[in-house]
Amino acid sequence: MSMKNKYQDVLDLGEQLNVQNGDVREEDGQLKVWGTTNTQYEKNLLWDKIKEIGGENPTDIMADIKVADESVYHRHTVKSGETLGKIAKHYYGNAMKYKDIFAANTDILKNPDLIYPDQELIIPNL
């Protein structure tokens, strides 16, 4: 199996995330991947997928993933039925971090219990 085939799910995820300046090469039995994600959250998604396939410290892939916007962890568009707690749980694994999301968005949010579909929220770096 080629390294490209082995890590195809990583390459597909990169396309879904619209990774910029991406490049993939297979050299000497190692896959070399470059690119720039929009946010740290997207970079983490790629690394999680790499580790899922290759293990905690894979030696058959070399990835150099940069982040275009390091000022935020991510930008999230609210979907119907979401709450700040649910969004915090998704990004941080802790619903109580909703306070950090609220604090980062007080320019558009006046009450942490009132968010609306299609609002774009900043998910701050913690």
Protein backbone atom coordinates (compact mmCIF):
# COMPACT_ATOMS: atom_id res chain seq x y z
CA MET A 1 0.00 0.00 0.00
CA SER A 2 1.35 3.42 -0.90
CA MET A 3 1.62 6.06 1.80
CA LYS A 4 -0.77 8.24 -0.19
CA ASN A 5 -3.39 5.48 -0.07
CA LYS A 6 -2.78 4.88 3.64
CA TYR A 7 -3.32 8.56 4.48
CA GLN A 8 -6.06 9.24 1.90
CA ASP A 9 -8.51 10.19 4.68
CA VAL A 10 -6.08 12.94 5.78
CA LEU A 11 -5.82 14.24 2.22
CA ASP A 12 -9.62 14.16 1.84
CA LEU A 13 -10.03 16.07 5.11
CA GLY A 14 -7.53 18.65 3.87
CA GLU A 15 -9.67 19.16 0.78
CA GLN A 16 -12.85 19.46 2.87
CA LEU A 17 -11.14 22.08 5.05
CA ASN A 18 -9.94 23.89 1.94
CA VAL A 19 -6.28 23.80 2.99
CA GLN A 20 -4.35 26.44 1.07
CA ASN A 21 -0.93 26.06 -0.58
CA GLY A 22 -1.25 22.31 -0.16
CA ASP A 23 1.29 19.90 -1.54
CA VAL A 24 1.72 16.15 -1.15
CA ARG A 25 4.77 14.10 -2.11
CA GLU A 26 5.80 10.55 -1.48
CA GLU A 27 9.56 10.16 -1.05
CA ASP A 28 11.57 7.23 0.31
CA GLY A 29 8.51 5.52 1.80
CA GLN A 30 7.41 8.68 3.60
CA LEU A 31 4.50 10.96 2.79
CA LYS A 32 5.35 14.65 2.94
CA VAL A 33 2.43 17.03 3.35
CA TRP A 34 2.38 20.84 3.41
CA GLY A 35 -0.40 23.36 3.66
CA THR A 36 -2.10 26.16 5.56
CA THR A 37 -5.35 25.76 7.47
CA ASN A 38 -7.62 28.67 8.35
CA THR A 39 -7.46 28.08 12.13
CA GLN A 40 -5.71 26.08 14.85
CA TYR A 41 -8.86 23.96 15.27
CA GLU A 42 -8.59 22.80 11.64
CA LYS A 43 -4.88 22.04 12.07
CA ASN A 44 -5.76 19.95 15.13
CA LEU A 45 -8.38 18.04 13.12
CA LEU A 46 -5.72 17.11 10.56
CA TRP A 47 -3.23 16.02 13.24
CA ASP A 48 -5.92 13.95 14.98
CA LYS A 49 -6.65 12.18 11.68
CA ILE A 50 -2.91 11.58 11.07
CA LYS A 51 -2.56 10.03 14.54
CA GLU A 52 -5.72 7.97 14.08
CA ILE A 53 -4.16 6.36 11.01
CA GLY A 54 -0.44 6.32 11.84
CA GLY A 55 -0.39 6.15 15.63
CA GLU A 56 0.74 8.69 18.21
CA ASN A 57 4.18 9.30 16.61
CA PRO A 58 3.98 8.20 12.98
CA THR A 59 7.31 7.97 11.16
CA ASP A 60 5.88 7.40 7.68
CA ILE A 61 4.44 10.90 7.33
CA MET A 62 5.97 14.35 7.68
CA ALA A 63 3.42 17.15 7.90
CA ASP A 64 4.17 20.87 7.94
CA ILE A 65 0.82 22.51 8.59
CA LYS A 66 0.67 26.26 9.11
CA VAL A 67 -2.25 28.34 10.43
CA ALA A 68 -3.48 31.41 8.54
CA ASP A 69 -5.31 33.06 11.47
CA GLU A 70 -3.69 32.45 14.86
CA SER A 71 -5.73 35.19 16.56
CA VAL A 72 -8.65 32.77 17.12
CA TYR A 73 -9.01 29.04 17.73
CA HIS A 74 -11.83 28.87 15.18
CA ARG A 75 -14.78 30.74 13.71
CA HIS A 76 -18.09 28.95 14.16
CA THR A 77 -21.37 29.58 12.35
CA VAL A 78 -24.27 28.86 14.70
CA LYS A 79 -26.69 26.15 13.59
CA SER A 80 -30.29 25.79 14.71
CA GLY A 81 -30.60 24.17 18.14
CA GLU A 82 -27.07 24.99 19.29
CA THR A 83 -26.22 26.60 22.62
CA LEU A 84 -22.96 28.19 23.74
CA GLY A 85 -22.53 25.23 26.09
CA LYS A 86 -22.91 22.73 23.25
CA ILE A 87 -20.47 24.71 21.10
CA ALA A 88 -17.95 24.91 23.99
CA LYS A 89 -18.25 21.14 24.56
CA HIS A 90 -17.51 20.54 20.86
CA TYR A 91 -14.39 22.72 20.69
CA TYR A 92 -12.99 22.41 24.21
CA GLY A 93 -14.57 19.25 25.62
CA ASN A 94 -16.04 21.36 28.45
CA ALA A 95 -19.48 22.99 28.26
CA MET A 96 -18.56 25.45 31.03
CA LYS A 97 -16.10 27.14 28.67
CA TYR A 98 -19.19 28.79 27.13
CA LYS A 99 -18.24 31.82 29.24
CA ASP A 100 -15.02 32.23 27.25
CA ILE A 101 -16.93 32.08 23.97
CA PHE A 102 -19.48 34.59 25.26
CA ALA A 103 -16.73 36.95 26.46
CA ALA A 104 -15.05 36.83 23.03
CA ASN A 105 -18.31 37.75 21.30
CA THR A 106 -19.86 40.49 23.45
CA ASP A 107 -19.82 42.75 20.39
CA ILE A 108 -22.67 40.64 18.92
CA LEU A 109 -24.00 38.76 21.98
CA LYS A 110 -25.74 40.48 24.86
CA ASN A 111 -26.98 37.33 26.64
CA PRO A 112 -25.24 33.92 26.67
CA ASP A 113 -28.65 32.23 26.39
CA LEU A 114 -29.57 34.03 23.17
CA ILE A 115 -27.69 32.97 20.07
CA TYR A 116 -29.17 32.64 16.61
CA PRO A 117 -28.53 30.53 13.51
CA ASP A 118 -26.02 31.98 11.06
CA GLN A 119 -24.25 34.16 13.64
CA GLU A 120 -20.49 33.78 13.24
CA LEU A 121 -18.87 33.36 16.63
CA ILE A 122 -15.20 33.64 17.50
CA ILE A 123 -13.99 30.56 19.34
CA PRO A 124 -11.07 32.05 21.31
CA ASN A 125 -7.68 30.53 21.98
CA LEU A 126 -7.58 29.46 25.61
